Each structure stands twice: as C-alpha cells, then as structure tokens.
C-alpha cells in the first residue's frame, strides 16, 4: 500500500534529493541547472528552505515513501496570510511517477 511521510529538510537528504532532481525528466520539468541539482546546490537549497521557514515565508517537506526512501519534495510558497492563500509545488523523482505519490502528498500536506 502506498504511503508517504513528510519530514523537515535536513542535510542528510541532500544526496538523494540531488540524485532525483538531476534526472532529466525532473530537472527539465523544473527548469533546473546543473548548479541547482549538484550536491552543493541541493545543500544550498536546504539551507535556504530552513531559513525561509524560520521567517515564515515558505514551508517545505521531503517526501518519503512507505520504505522511508526520499521520493520528492513538496513546498508551500507565496504565502499570503491576509488572503489565506499560497502556492503549492511538488516534484516527484521519475522512478516514482504515475504511482499516486503526488496525490497522497498533496492530501497529507
């Protein structure tokens, strides 16, 4: 049975996120450069997200599957507290496409 866990970003997930976001199907869909998907770029992204969360500007979680493997990322950004709106973005690693993980993550978040 499919299941997801949404966990806070930590540097321990950087390598897995980097590998999944480097896949051409994901990288091209997100418009990411090699700099963004490199291990250093991913670590910079994680540090940026942690800072944004402290400021209340964005909230992002690493998506783990039922085996506790990193499969993607889900993020709330453009948060407008007055209008109670935000933009939610999700990406799932290519090996996990078409299995229903995105839909489950959106419902959990």
PDB file of N, CA and C in Angstrom:
ATOM      1  N   UNK A   1       0.830  -1.185   0.000  1.00  0.00           N
ATOM      2  CA  UNK A   1       0.000   0.000   0.000  1.00  0.00           C
ATOM      3  C   UNK A   1       0.877   1.251   0.000  1.00  0.00           C
ATOM      4  N   UNK A   2       0.519   2.212  -0.848  1.00  0.00           N
ATOM      5  CA  UNK A   2       1.275   3.456  -0.927  1.00  0.00           C
ATOM      6  C   UNK A   2       1.054   4.292   0.325  1.00  0.00           C
ATOM      7  N   UNK A   3       2.149   4.888   0.767  1.00  0.00           N
ATOM      8  CA  UNK A   3       2.096   5.748   1.937  1.00  0.00           C
ATOM      9  C   UNK A   3       3.226   6.758   1.808  1.00  0.00           C
ATOM     10  N   UNK A   4       3.005   7.971   2.297  1.00  0.00           N
ATOM     11  CA  UNK A   4       4.077   8.967   2.306  1.00  0.00           C
ATOM     12  C   UNK A   4       4.245   9.534   3.704  1.00  0.00           C
ATOM     13  N   UNK A   5       5.460   9.958   3.958  1.00  0.00           N
ATOM     14  CA  UNK A   5       5.813  10.668   5.183  1.00  0.00           C
ATOM     15  C   UNK A   5       6.421  11.992   4.748  1.00  0.00           C
ATOM     16  N   UNK A   6       5.961  13.079   5.327  1.00  0.00           N
ATOM     17  CA  UNK A   6       6.513  14.394   5.031  1.00  0.00           C
ATOM     18  C   UNK A   6       7.376  14.811   6.212  1.00  0.00           C
ATOM     19  N   UNK A   7       8.669  14.987   5.944  1.00  0.00           N
ATOM     20  CA  UNK A   7       9.619  15.281   7.017  1.00  0.00           C
ATOM     21  C   UNK A   7      10.355  16.585   6.717  1.00  0.00           C
ATOM     22  N   UNK A   8      10.769  17.299   7.762  1.00  0.00           N
ATOM     23  CA  UNK A   8      11.519  18.537   7.545  1.00  0.00           C
ATOM     24  C   UNK A   8      12.825  18.272   6.790  1.00  0.00           C
ATOM     25  N   UNK A   9      13.247  19.270   6.059  1.00  0.00           N
ATOM     26  CA  UNK A   9      14.513  19.167   5.339  1.00  0.00           C
ATOM     27  C   UNK A   9      15.673  19.050   6.318  1.00  0.00           C
ATOM     28  N   UNK A  10      16.604  18.185   5.977  1.00  0.00           N
ATOM     29  CA  UNK A  10      17.856  18.031   6.705  1.00  0.00           C
ATOM     30  C   UNK A  10      18.933  17.735   5.674  1.00  0.00           C
ATOM     31  N   UNK A  11      20.154  18.100   6.001  1.00  0.00           N
ATOM     32  CA  UNK A  11      21.253  17.872   5.060  1.00  0.00           C
ATOM     33  C   UNK A  11      21.465  16.394   4.754  1.00  0.00           C
ATOM     34  N   UNK A  12      21.015  15.510   5.626  1.00  0.00           N
ATOM     35  CA  UNK A  12      21.170  14.077   5.366  1.00  0.00           C
ATOM     36  C   UNK A  12      20.404  13.638   4.119  1.00  0.00           C
ATOM     37  N   UNK A  13      19.416  14.424   3.672  1.00  0.00           N
ATOM     38  CA  UNK A  13      18.630  14.083   2.486  1.00  0.00           C
ATOM     39  C   UNK A  13      19.207  14.686   1.203  1.00  0.00           C
ATOM     40  N   UNK A  14      20.247  15.496   1.320  1.00  0.00           N
ATOM     41  CA  UNK A  14      20.774  16.238   0.175  1.00  0.00           C
ATOM     42  C   UNK A  14      21.188  15.331  -0.983  1.00  0.00           C
ATOM     43  N   UNK A  15      21.898  14.267  -0.715  1.00  0.00           N
ATOM     44  CA  UNK A  15      22.370  13.403  -1.799  1.00  0.00           C
ATOM     45  C   UNK A  15      21.195  12.786  -2.560  1.00  0.00           C
ATOM     46  N   UNK A  16      20.213  12.288  -1.849  1.00  0.00           N
ATOM     47  CA  UNK A  16      19.057  11.674  -2.508  1.00  0.00           C
ATOM     48  C   UNK A  16      18.268  12.699  -3.312  1.00  0.00           C
ATOM     49  N   UNK A  17      18.057  13.884  -2.737  1.00  0.00           N
ATOM     50  CA  UNK A  17      17.339  14.938  -3.455  1.00  0.00           C
ATOM     51  C   UNK A  17      18.123  15.336  -4.702  1.00  0.00           C
ATOM     52  N   UNK A  18      19.436  15.483  -4.570  1.00  0.00           N
ATOM     53  CA  UNK A  18      20.281  15.841  -5.701  1.00  0.00           C
ATOM     54  C   UNK A  18      20.181  14.804  -6.818  1.00  0.00           C
ATOM     55  N   UNK A  19      20.260  13.542  -6.461  1.00  0.00           N
ATOM     56  CA  UNK A  19      20.186  12.479  -7.475  1.00  0.00           C
ATOM     57  C   UNK A  19      18.840  12.477  -8.184  1.00  0.00           C
ATOM     58  N   UNK A  20      17.751  12.596  -7.426  1.00  0.00           N
ATOM     59  CA  UNK A  20      16.421  12.581  -8.043  1.00  0.00           C
ATOM     60  C   UNK A  20      16.166  13.821  -8.894  1.00  0.00           C
ATOM     61  N   UNK A  21      16.611  14.987  -8.415  1.00  0.00           N
ATOM     62  CA  UNK A  21      16.372  16.219  -9.172  1.00  0.00           C
ATOM     63  C   UNK A  21      17.300  16.356 -10.371  1.00  0.00           C
ATOM     64  N   UNK A  22      18.361  15.540 -10.434  1.00  0.00           N
ATOM     65  CA  UNK A  22      19.279  15.556 -11.567  1.00  0.00           C
ATOM     66  C   UNK A  22      18.771  14.747 -12.753  1.00  0.00           C
ATOM     67  N   UNK A  23      17.762  13.915 -12.525  1.00  0.00           N
ATOM     68  CA  UNK A  23      17.205  13.128 -13.619  1.00  0.00           C
ATOM     69  C   UNK A  23      16.627  14.086 -14.663  1.00  0.00           C
ATOM     70  N   UNK A  24      16.934  13.858 -15.954  1.00  0.00           N
ATOM     71  CA  UNK A  24      16.482  14.798 -16.993  1.00  0.00           C
ATOM     72  C   UNK A  24      14.984  15.094 -16.945  1.00  0.00           C
ATOM     73  N   UNK A  25      14.171  14.096 -16.661  1.00  0.00           N
ATOM     74  CA  UNK A  25      12.725  14.310 -16.643  1.00  0.00           C
ATOM     75  C   UNK A  25      12.321  15.313 -15.567  1.00  0.00           C
ATOM     76  N   UNK A  26      12.988  15.277 -14.421  1.00  0.00           N
ATOM     77  CA  UNK A  26      12.677  16.192 -13.317  1.00  0.00           C
ATOM     78  C   UNK A  26      13.376  17.525 -13.538  1.00  0.00           C
ATOM     79  N   UNK A  27      14.652  17.472 -13.804  1.00  0.00           N
ATOM     80  CA  UNK A  27      15.444  18.692 -13.987  1.00  0.00           C
ATOM     81  C   UNK A  27      14.851  19.576 -15.080  1.00  0.00           C
ATOM     82  N   UNK A  28      14.496  18.982 -16.206  1.00  0.00           N
ATOM     83  CA  UNK A  28      13.945  19.755 -17.317  1.00  0.00           C
ATOM     84  C   UNK A  28      12.551  20.299 -16.996  1.00  0.00           C
ATOM     85  N   UNK A  29      11.728  19.491 -16.340  1.00  0.00           N
ATOM     86  CA  UNK A  29      10.376  19.940 -15.981  1.00  0.00           C
ATOM     87  C   UNK A  29      10.423  21.118 -15.010  1.00  0.00           C
ATOM     88  N   UNK A  30      11.413  21.130 -14.125  1.00  0.00           N
ATOM     89  CA  UNK A  30      11.544  22.202 -13.138  1.00  0.00           C
ATOM     90  C   UNK A  30      12.395  23.367 -13.636  1.00  0.00           C
ATOM     91  N   UNK A  31      13.047  23.200 -14.769  1.00  0.00           N
ATOM     92  CA  UNK A  31      13.910  24.247 -15.304  1.00  0.00           C
ATOM     93  C   UNK A  31      15.154  24.472 -14.464  1.00  0.00           C
ATOM     94  N   UNK A  32      15.690  23.394 -13.900  1.00  0.00           N
ATOM     95  CA  UNK A  32      16.868  23.491 -13.032  1.00  0.00           C
ATOM     96  C   UNK A  32      18.152  23.353 -13.828  1.00  0.00           C
ATOM     97  N   UNK A  33      19.190  24.027 -13.353  1.00  0.00           N
ATOM     98  CA  UNK A  33      20.512  23.910 -13.962  1.00  0.00           C
ATOM     99  C   UNK A  33      21.315  22.850 -13.214  1.00  0.00           C
ATOM    100  N   UNK A  34      22.453  22.496 -13.785  1.00  0.00           N
ATOM    101  CA  UNK A  34      23.358  21.548 -13.124  1.00  0.00           C
ATOM    102  C   UNK A  34      23.795  22.084 -11.760  1.00  0.00           C
ATOM    103  N   UNK A  35      23.963  23.409 -11.652  1.00  0.00           N
ATOM    104  CA  UNK A  35      24.354  24.016 -10.376  1.00  0.00           C
ATOM    105  C   UNK A  35      23.301  23.770  -9.295  1.00  0.00           C
ATOM    106  N   UNK A  36      22.028  23.852  -9.688  1.00  0.00           N
ATOM    107  CA  UNK A  36      20.947  23.654  -8.728  1.00  0.00           C
ATOM    108  C   UNK A  36      20.840  22.206  -8.270  1.00  0.00           C
ATOM    109  N   UNK A  37      21.107  21.271  -9.171  1.00  0.00           N
ATOM    110  CA  UNK A  37      20.914  19.856  -8.848  1.00  0.00           C
ATOM    111  C   UNK A  37      22.173  19.187  -8.301  1.00  0.00           C
ATOM    112  N   UNK A  38      23.284  19.914  -8.291  1.00  0.00           N
ATOM    113  CA  UNK A  38      24.513  19.359  -7.719  1.00  0.00           C
ATOM    114  C   UNK A  38      24.327  19.158  -6.221  1.00  0.00           C
ATOM    115  N   UNK A  39      25.195  18.391  -5.609  1.00  0.00           N
ATOM    116  CA  UNK A  39      25.120  18.196  -4.165  1.00  0.00           C
ATOM    117  C   UNK A  39      25.235  19.532  -3.439  1.00  0.00           C
ATOM    118  N   UNK A  40      26.167  20.381  -3.844  1.00  0.00           N
ATOM    119  CA  UNK A  40      26.337  21.701  -3.220  1.00  0.00           C
ATOM    120  C   UNK A  40      25.089  22.551  -3.426  1.00  0.00           C
ATOM    121  N   UNK A  41      24.550  22.553  -4.646  1.00  0.00           N
ATOM    122  CA  UNK A  41      23.340  23.317  -4.928  1.00  0.00           C
ATOM    123  C   UNK A  41      22.162  22.832  -4.095  1.00  0.00           C
ATOM    124  N   UNK A  42      22.064  21.525  -3.902  1.00  0.00           N
ATOM    125  CA  UNK A  42      20.988  20.960  -3.092  1.00  0.00           C
ATOM    126  C   UNK A  42      21.168  21.327  -1.625  1.00  0.00           C
ATOM    127  N   UNK A  43      22.387  21.280  -1.140  1.00  0.00           N
ATOM    128  CA  UNK A  43      22.648  21.700   0.246  1.00  0.00           C
ATOM    129  C   UNK A  43      22.300  23.175   0.428  1.00  0.00           C
ATOM    130  N   UNK A  44      22.633  24.004  -0.564  1.00  0.00           N
ATOM    131  CA  UNK A  44      22.277  25.429  -0.501  1.00  0.00           C
ATOM    132  C   UNK A  44      20.760  25.594  -0.467  1.00  0.00           C
ATOM    133  N   UNK A  45      20.041  24.803  -1.277  1.00  0.00           N
ATOM    134  CA  UNK A  45      18.573  24.841  -1.291  1.00  0.00           C
ATOM    135  C   UNK A  45      18.020  24.481   0.086  1.00  0.00           C
ATOM    136  N   UNK A  46      18.541  23.438   0.685  1.00  0.00           N
ATOM    137  CA  UNK A  46      18.065  23.010   2.009  1.00  0.00           C
ATOM    138  C   UNK A  46      18.302  24.112   3.031  1.00  0.00           C
ATOM    139  N   UNK A  47      19.472  24.711   3.023  1.00  0.00           N
ATOM    140  CA  UNK A  47      19.757  25.807   3.962  1.00  0.00           C
ATOM    141  C   UNK A  47      18.841  27.005   3.713  1.00  0.00           C
ATOM    142  N   UNK A  48      18.561  27.298   2.438  1.00  0.00           N
ATOM    143  CA  UNK A  48      17.639  28.378   2.084  1.00  0.00           C
ATOM    144  C   UNK A  48      16.240  28.087   2.627  1.00  0.00           C
ATOM    145  N   UNK A  49      15.758  26.872   2.424  1.00  0.00           N
ATOM    146  CA  UNK A  49      14.427  26.493   2.905  1.00  0.00           C
ATOM    147  C   UNK A  49      14.347  26.605   4.426  1.00  0.00           C
ATOM    148  N   UNK A  50      15.374  26.139   5.115  1.00  0.00           N
ATOM    149  CA  UNK A  50      15.363  26.220   6.583  1.00  0.00           C
ATOM    150  C   UNK A  50      15.280  27.673   7.046  1.00  0.00           C
ATOM    151  N   UNK A  51      15.970  28.560   6.362  1.00  0.00           N
ATOM    152  CA  UNK A  51      15.914  29.987   6.703  1.00  0.00           C
ATOM    153  C   UNK A  51      14.538  30.571   6.378  1.00  0.00           C
ATOM    154  N   UNK A  52      13.988  30.215   5.224  1.00  0.00           N
ATOM    155  CA  UNK A  52      12.656  30.689   4.840  1.00  0.00           C
ATOM    156  C   UNK A  52      11.592  30.245   5.838  1.00  0.00           C
ATOM    157  N   UNK A  53      11.724  29.027   6.339  1.00  0.00           N
ATOM    158  CA  UNK A  53      10.760  28.532   7.326  1.00  0.00           C
ATOM    159  C   UNK A  53      10.853  29.323   8.630  1.00  0.00           C
ATOM    160  N   UNK A  54      12.072  29.668   9.034  1.00  0.00           N
ATOM    161  CA  UNK A  54      12.233  30.484  10.246  1.00  0.00           C
ATOM    162  C   UNK A  54      11.532  31.830  10.090  1.00  0.00           C
ATOM    163  N   UNK A  55      11.557  32.359   8.863  1.00  0.00           N
ATOM    164  CA  UNK A  55      10.937  33.654   8.576  1.00  0.00           C
ATOM    165  C   UNK A  55       9.443  33.531   8.284  1.00  0.00           C
ATOM    166  N   UNK A  56       8.943  32.314   8.167  1.00  0.00           N
ATOM    167  CA  UNK A  56       7.528  32.086   7.865  1.00  0.00           C
ATOM    168  C   UNK A  56       7.152  32.367   6.426  1.00  0.00           C
ATOM    169  N   UNK A  57       8.141  32.340   5.525  1.00  0.00           N
ATOM    170  CA  UNK A  57       7.881  32.674   4.126  1.00  0.00           C
ATOM    171  C   UNK A  57       7.577  31.464   3.253  1.00  0.00           C
ATOM    172  N   UNK A  58       8.140  30.321   3.594  1.00  0.00           N
ATOM    173  CA  UNK A  58       7.913  29.089   2.848  1.00  0.00           C
ATOM    174  C   UNK A  58       7.949  27.928   3.829  1.00  0.00           C
ATOM    175  N   UNK A  59       7.244  26.878   3.463  1.00  0.00           N
ATOM    176  CA  UNK A  59       7.299  25.641   4.234  1.00  0.00           C
ATOM    177  C   UNK A  59       7.476  24.512   3.242  1.00  0.00           C
ATOM    178  N   UNK A  60       8.475  23.689   3.467  1.00  0.00           N
ATOM    179  CA  UNK A  60       8.791  22.627   2.535  1.00  0.00           C
ATOM    180  C   UNK A  60       9.096  21.353   3.298  1.00  0.00           C
ATOM    181  N   UNK A  61       8.736  20.235   2.709  1.00  0.00           N
ATOM    182  CA  UNK A  61       8.990  18.939   3.315  1.00  0.00           C
ATOM    183  C   UNK A  61       9.549  17.974   2.276  1.00  0.00           C
ATOM    184  N   UNK A  62      10.378  17.089   2.765  1.00  0.00           N
ATOM    185  CA  UNK A  62      10.893  15.991   1.955  1.00  0.00           C
ATOM    186  C   UNK A  62       9.824  14.912   1.977  1.00  0.00           C
ATOM    187  N   UNK A  63       9.537  14.338   0.826  1.00  0.00           N
ATOM    188  CA  UNK A  63       8.549  13.268   0.737  1.00  0.00           C
ATOM    189  C   UNK A  63       9.281  11.932   0.782  1.00  0.00           C
ATOM    190  N   UNK A  64       8.927  11.117   1.756  1.00  0.00           N
ATOM    191  CA  UNK A  64       9.462   9.759   1.868  1.00  0.00           C
ATOM    192  C   UNK A  64       8.336   8.787   1.535  1.00  0.00           C
ATOM    193  N   UNK A  65       8.687   7.670   0.896  1.00  0.00           N
ATOM    194  CA  UNK A  65       7.663   6.671   0.608  1.00  0.00           C
ATOM    195  C   UNK A  65       7.512   5.701   1.773  1.00  0.00           C
ATOM    196  N   UNK A  66       6.729   4.657   1.568  1.00  0.00           N
ATOM    197  CA  UNK A  66       6.450   3.689   2.638  1.00  0.00           C
ATOM    198  C   UNK A  66       7.710   2.970   3.113  1.00  0.00           C
ATOM    199  N   UNK A  67       8.761   2.966   2.286  1.00  0.00           N
ATOM    200  CA  UNK A  67      10.042   2.372   2.678  1.00  0.00           C
ATOM    201  C   UNK A  67      10.996   3.403   3.280  1.00  0.00           C
ATOM    202  N   UNK A  68      10.473   4.609   3.494  1.00  0.00           N
ATOM    203  CA  UNK A  68      11.253   5.726   4.059  1.00  0.00           C
ATOM    204  C   UNK A  68      12.390   6.169   3.131  1.00  0.00           C
ATOM    205  N   UNK A  69      12.180   5.985   1.826  1.00  0.00           N
ATOM    206  CA  UNK A  69      13.129   6.470   0.822  1.00  0.00           C
ATOM    207  C   UNK A  69      12.663   7.820   0.316  1.00  0.00           C
ATOM    208  N   UNK A  70      13.619   8.729   0.086  1.00  0.00           N
ATOM    209  CA  UNK A  70      13.291  10.040  -0.472  1.00  0.00           C
ATOM    210  C   UNK A  70      12.742   9.844  -1.884  1.00  0.00           C
ATOM    211  N   UNK A  71      11.568  10.455  -2.131  1.00  0.00           N
ATOM    212  CA  UNK A  71      10.988  10.358  -3.473  1.00  0.00           C
ATOM    213  C   UNK A  71      10.662  11.725  -4.066  1.00  0.00           C
ATOM    214  N   UNK A  72      10.763  12.796  -3.276  1.00  0.00           N
ATOM    215  CA  UNK A  72      10.465  14.111  -3.817  1.00  0.00           C
ATOM    216  C   UNK A  72      10.400  15.182  -2.745  1.00  0.00           C
ATOM    217  N   UNK A  73       9.843  16.326  -3.144  1.00  0.00           N
ATOM    218  CA  UNK A  73       9.745  17.496  -2.263  1.00  0.00           C
ATOM    219  C   UNK A  73       8.398  18.170  -2.506  1.00  0.00           C
ATOM    220  N   UNK A  74       7.809  18.690  -1.441  1.00  0.00           N
ATOM    221  CA  UNK A  74       6.574  19.466  -1.537  1.00  0.00           C
ATOM    222  C   UNK A  74       6.770  20.767  -0.767  1.00  0.00           C
ATOM    223  N   UNK A  75       6.310  21.879  -1.353  1.00  0.00           N
ATOM    224  CA  UNK A  75       6.595  23.198  -0.781  1.00  0.00           C
ATOM    225  C   UNK A  75       5.382  24.111  -0.875  1.00  0.00           C
ATOM    226  N   UNK A  76       5.130  24.856   0.184  1.00  0.00           N
ATOM    227  CA  UNK A  76       4.178  25.963   0.166  1.00  0.00           C
ATOM    228  C   UNK A  76       4.993  27.242   0.074  1.00  0.00           C
ATOM    229  N   UNK A  77       4.671  28.091  -0.906  1.00  0.00           N
ATOM    230  CA  UNK A  77       5.365  29.366  -1.034  1.00  0.00           C
ATOM    231  C   UNK A  77       4.372  30.434  -1.468  1.00  0.00           C
ATOM    232  N   UNK A  78       4.837  31.653  -1.596  1.00  0.00           N
ATOM    233  CA  UNK A  78       3.964  32.791  -1.904  1.00  0.00           C
ATOM    234  C   UNK A  78       2.802  32.832  -0.911  1.00  0.00           C
ATOM    235  N   UNK A  79       3.135  32.660   0.351  1.00  0.00           N
ATOM    236  CA  UNK A  79       2.125  32.604   1.404  1.00  0.00           C
ATOM    237  C   UNK A  79       1.586  34.011   1.665  1.00  0.00           C
ATOM    238  N   UNK A  80       0.276  34.151   1.551  1.00  0.00           N
ATOM    239  CA  UNK A  80      -0.397  35.414   1.839  1.00  0.00           C
ATOM    240  C   UNK A  80      -1.348  35.166   2.995  1.00  0.00           C
ATOM    241  N   UNK A  81      -0.915  35.543   4.169  1.00  0.00           N
ATOM    242  CA  UNK A  81      -1.706  35.282   5.363  1.00  0.00           C
ATOM    243  C   UNK A  81      -3.014  36.083   5.384  1.00  0.00           C
ATOM    244  N   UNK A  82      -2.999  37.281   4.806  1.00  0.00           N
ATOM    245  CA  UNK A  82      -4.219  38.098   4.780  1.00  0.00           C
ATOM    246  C   UNK A  82      -5.312  37.437   3.941  1.00  0.00           C
ATOM    247  N   UNK A  83      -4.939  36.930   2.796  1.00  0.00           N
ATOM    248  CA  UNK A  83      -5.912  36.276   1.909  1.00  0.00           C
ATOM    249  C   UNK A  83      -6.034  34.782   2.184  1.00  0.00           C
ATOM    250  N   UNK A  84      -5.176  34.269   3.059  1.00  0.00           N
ATOM    251  CA  UNK A  84      -5.117  32.840   3.376  1.00  0.00           C
ATOM    252  C   UNK A  84      -4.929  31.997   2.113  1.00  0.00           C
ATOM    253  N   UNK A  85      -3.938  32.408   1.315  1.00  0.00           N
ATOM    254  CA  UNK A  85      -3.616  31.682   0.092  1.00  0.00           C
ATOM    255  C   UNK A  85      -2.123  31.375   0.046  1.00  0.00           C
ATOM    256  N   UNK A  86      -1.775  30.423  -0.774  1.00  0.00           N
ATOM    257  CA  UNK A  86      -0.372  30.103  -1.032  1.00  0.00           C
ATOM    258  C   UNK A  86      -0.306  29.299  -2.325  1.00  0.00           C
ATOM    259  N   UNK A  87       0.900  29.090  -2.778  1.00  0.00           N
ATOM    260  CA  UNK A  87       1.138  28.250  -3.945  1.00  0.00           C
ATOM    261  C   UNK A  87       1.795  26.970  -3.449  1.00  0.00           C
ATOM    262  N   UNK A  88       1.294  25.830  -3.887  1.00  0.00           N
ATOM    263  CA  UNK A  88       1.902  24.559  -3.501  1.00  0.00           C
ATOM    264  C   UNK A  88       2.564  23.946  -4.729  1.00  0.00           C
ATOM    265  N   UNK A  89       3.818  23.578  -4.564  1.00  0.00           N
ATOM    266  CA  UNK A  89       4.557  22.918  -5.630  1.00  0.00           C
ATOM    267  C   UNK A  89       5.095  21.589  -5.148  1.00  0.00           C
ATOM    268  N   UNK A  90       5.046  20.612  -6.019  1.00  0.00           N
ATOM    269  CA  UNK A  90       5.531  19.275  -5.687  1.00  0.00           C
ATOM    270  C   UNK A  90       6.333  18.742  -6.854  1.00  0.00           C
ATOM    271  N   UNK A  91       7.406  18.066  -6.545  1.00  0.00           N
ATOM    272  CA  UNK A  91       8.050  17.265  -7.582  1.00  0.00           C
ATOM    273  C   UNK A  91       8.351  15.891  -7.011  1.00  0.00           C
ATOM    274  N   UNK A  92       8.219  14.922  -7.872  1.00  0.00           N
ATOM    275  CA  UNK A  92       8.437  13.518  -7.524  1.00  0.00           C
ATOM    276  C   UNK A  92       9.524  12.980  -8.447  1.00  0.00           C
ATOM    277  N   UNK A  93      10.453  12.209  -7.897  1.00  0.00           N
ATOM    278  CA  UNK A  93      11.503  11.592  -8.710  1.00  0.00           C
ATOM    279  C   UNK A  93      10.912  10.696  -9.789  1.00  0.00           C
ATOM    280  N   UNK A  94      11.521  10.696 -10.959  1.00  0.00           N
ATOM    281  CA  UNK A  94      10.992   9.980 -12.119  1.00  0.00           C
ATOM    282  C   UNK A  94      10.657   8.511 -11.854  1.00  0.00           C
ATOM    283  N   UNK A  95      11.465   7.751 -11.101  1.00  0.00           N
ATOM    284  CA  UNK A  95      11.095   6.349 -10.870  1.00  0.00           C
ATOM    285  C   UNK A  95       9.762   6.175 -10.136  1.00  0.00           C
ATOM    286  N   UNK A  96       9.264   7.245  -9.538  1.00  0.00           N
ATOM    287  CA  UNK A  96       8.044   7.167  -8.740  1.00  0.00           C
ATOM    288  C   UNK A  96       6.840   7.812  -9.435  1.00  0.00           C
ATOM    289  N   UNK A  97       7.032   8.270 -10.666  1.00  0.00           N
ATOM    290  CA  UNK A  97       5.937   8.891 -11.409  1.00  0.00           C
ATOM    291  C   UNK A  97       4.837   7.872 -11.684  1.00  0.00           C
ATOM    292  N   UNK A  98       3.614   8.365 -11.716  1.00  0.00           N
ATOM    293  CA  UNK A  98       2.479   7.555 -12.131  1.00  0.00           C
ATOM    294  C   UNK A  98       2.005   6.535 -11.107  1.00  0.00           C
ATOM    295  N   UNK A  99       2.477   6.649  -9.886  1.00  0.00           N
ATOM    296  CA  UNK A  99       2.113   5.663  -8.864  1.00  0.00           C
ATOM    297  C   UNK A  99       1.137   6.208  -7.826  1.00  0.00           C
ATOM    298  N   UNK A 100       0.865   7.513  -7.864  1.00  0.00           N
ATOM    299  CA  UNK A 100      -0.079   8.109  -6.929  1.00  0.00           C
ATOM    300  C   UNK A 100       0.541   8.841  -5.754  1.00  0.00           C
ATOM    301  N   UNK A 101       1.863   8.910  -5.702  1.00  0.00           N
ATOM    302  CA  UNK A 101       2.521   9.563  -4.564  1.00  0.00           C
ATOM    303  C   UNK A 101       2.213  11.067  -4.491  1.00  0.00           C
ATOM    304  N   UNK A 102       2.155  11.721  -5.638  1.00  0.00           N
ATOM    305  CA  UNK A 102       1.890  13.159  -5.646  1.00  0.00           C
ATOM    306  C   UNK A 102       0.523  13.457  -5.035  1.00  0.00           C
ATOM    307  N   UNK A 103      -0.476  12.725  -5.429  1.00  0.00           N
ATOM    308  CA  UNK A 103      -1.821  12.932  -4.908  1.00  0.00           C
ATOM    309  C   UNK A 103      -1.860  12.713  -3.389  1.00  0.00           C
ATOM    310  N   UNK A 104      -1.203  11.671  -2.921  1.00  0.00           N
ATOM    311  CA  UNK A 104      -1.180  11.397  -1.485  1.00  0.00           C
ATOM    312  C   UNK A 104      -0.458  12.526  -0.734  1.00  0.00           C
ATOM    313  N   UNK A 105       0.687  12.957  -1.259  1.00  0.00           N
ATOM    314  CA  UNK A 105       1.453  14.022  -0.596  1.00  0.00           C
ATOM    315  C   UNK A 105       0.646  15.302  -0.507  1.00  0.00           C
ATOM    316  N   UNK A 106      -0.076  15.640  -1.569  1.00  0.00           N
ATOM    317  CA  UNK A 106      -0.899  16.848  -1.562  1.00  0.00           C
ATOM    318  C   UNK A 106      -1.998  16.784  -0.519  1.00  0.00           C
ATOM    319  N   UNK A 107      -2.562  15.628  -0.293  1.00  0.00           N
ATOM    320  CA  UNK A 107      -3.614  15.471   0.710  1.00  0.00           C
ATOM    321  C   UNK A 107      -3.046  15.528   2.128  1.00  0.00           C
ATOM    322  N   UNK A 108      -1.841  15.017   2.307  1.00  0.00           N
ATOM    323  CA  UNK A 108      -1.225  14.993   3.632  1.00  0.00           C
ATOM    324  C   UNK A 108      -0.748  16.389   4.030  1.00  0.00           C
ATOM    325  N   UNK A 109      -0.211  17.144   3.066  1.00  0.00           N
ATOM    326  CA  UNK A 109       0.369  18.455   3.350  1.00  0.00           C
ATOM    327  C   UNK A 109      -0.733  19.443   3.642  1.00  0.00           C
TER     328      UNK A 109
END
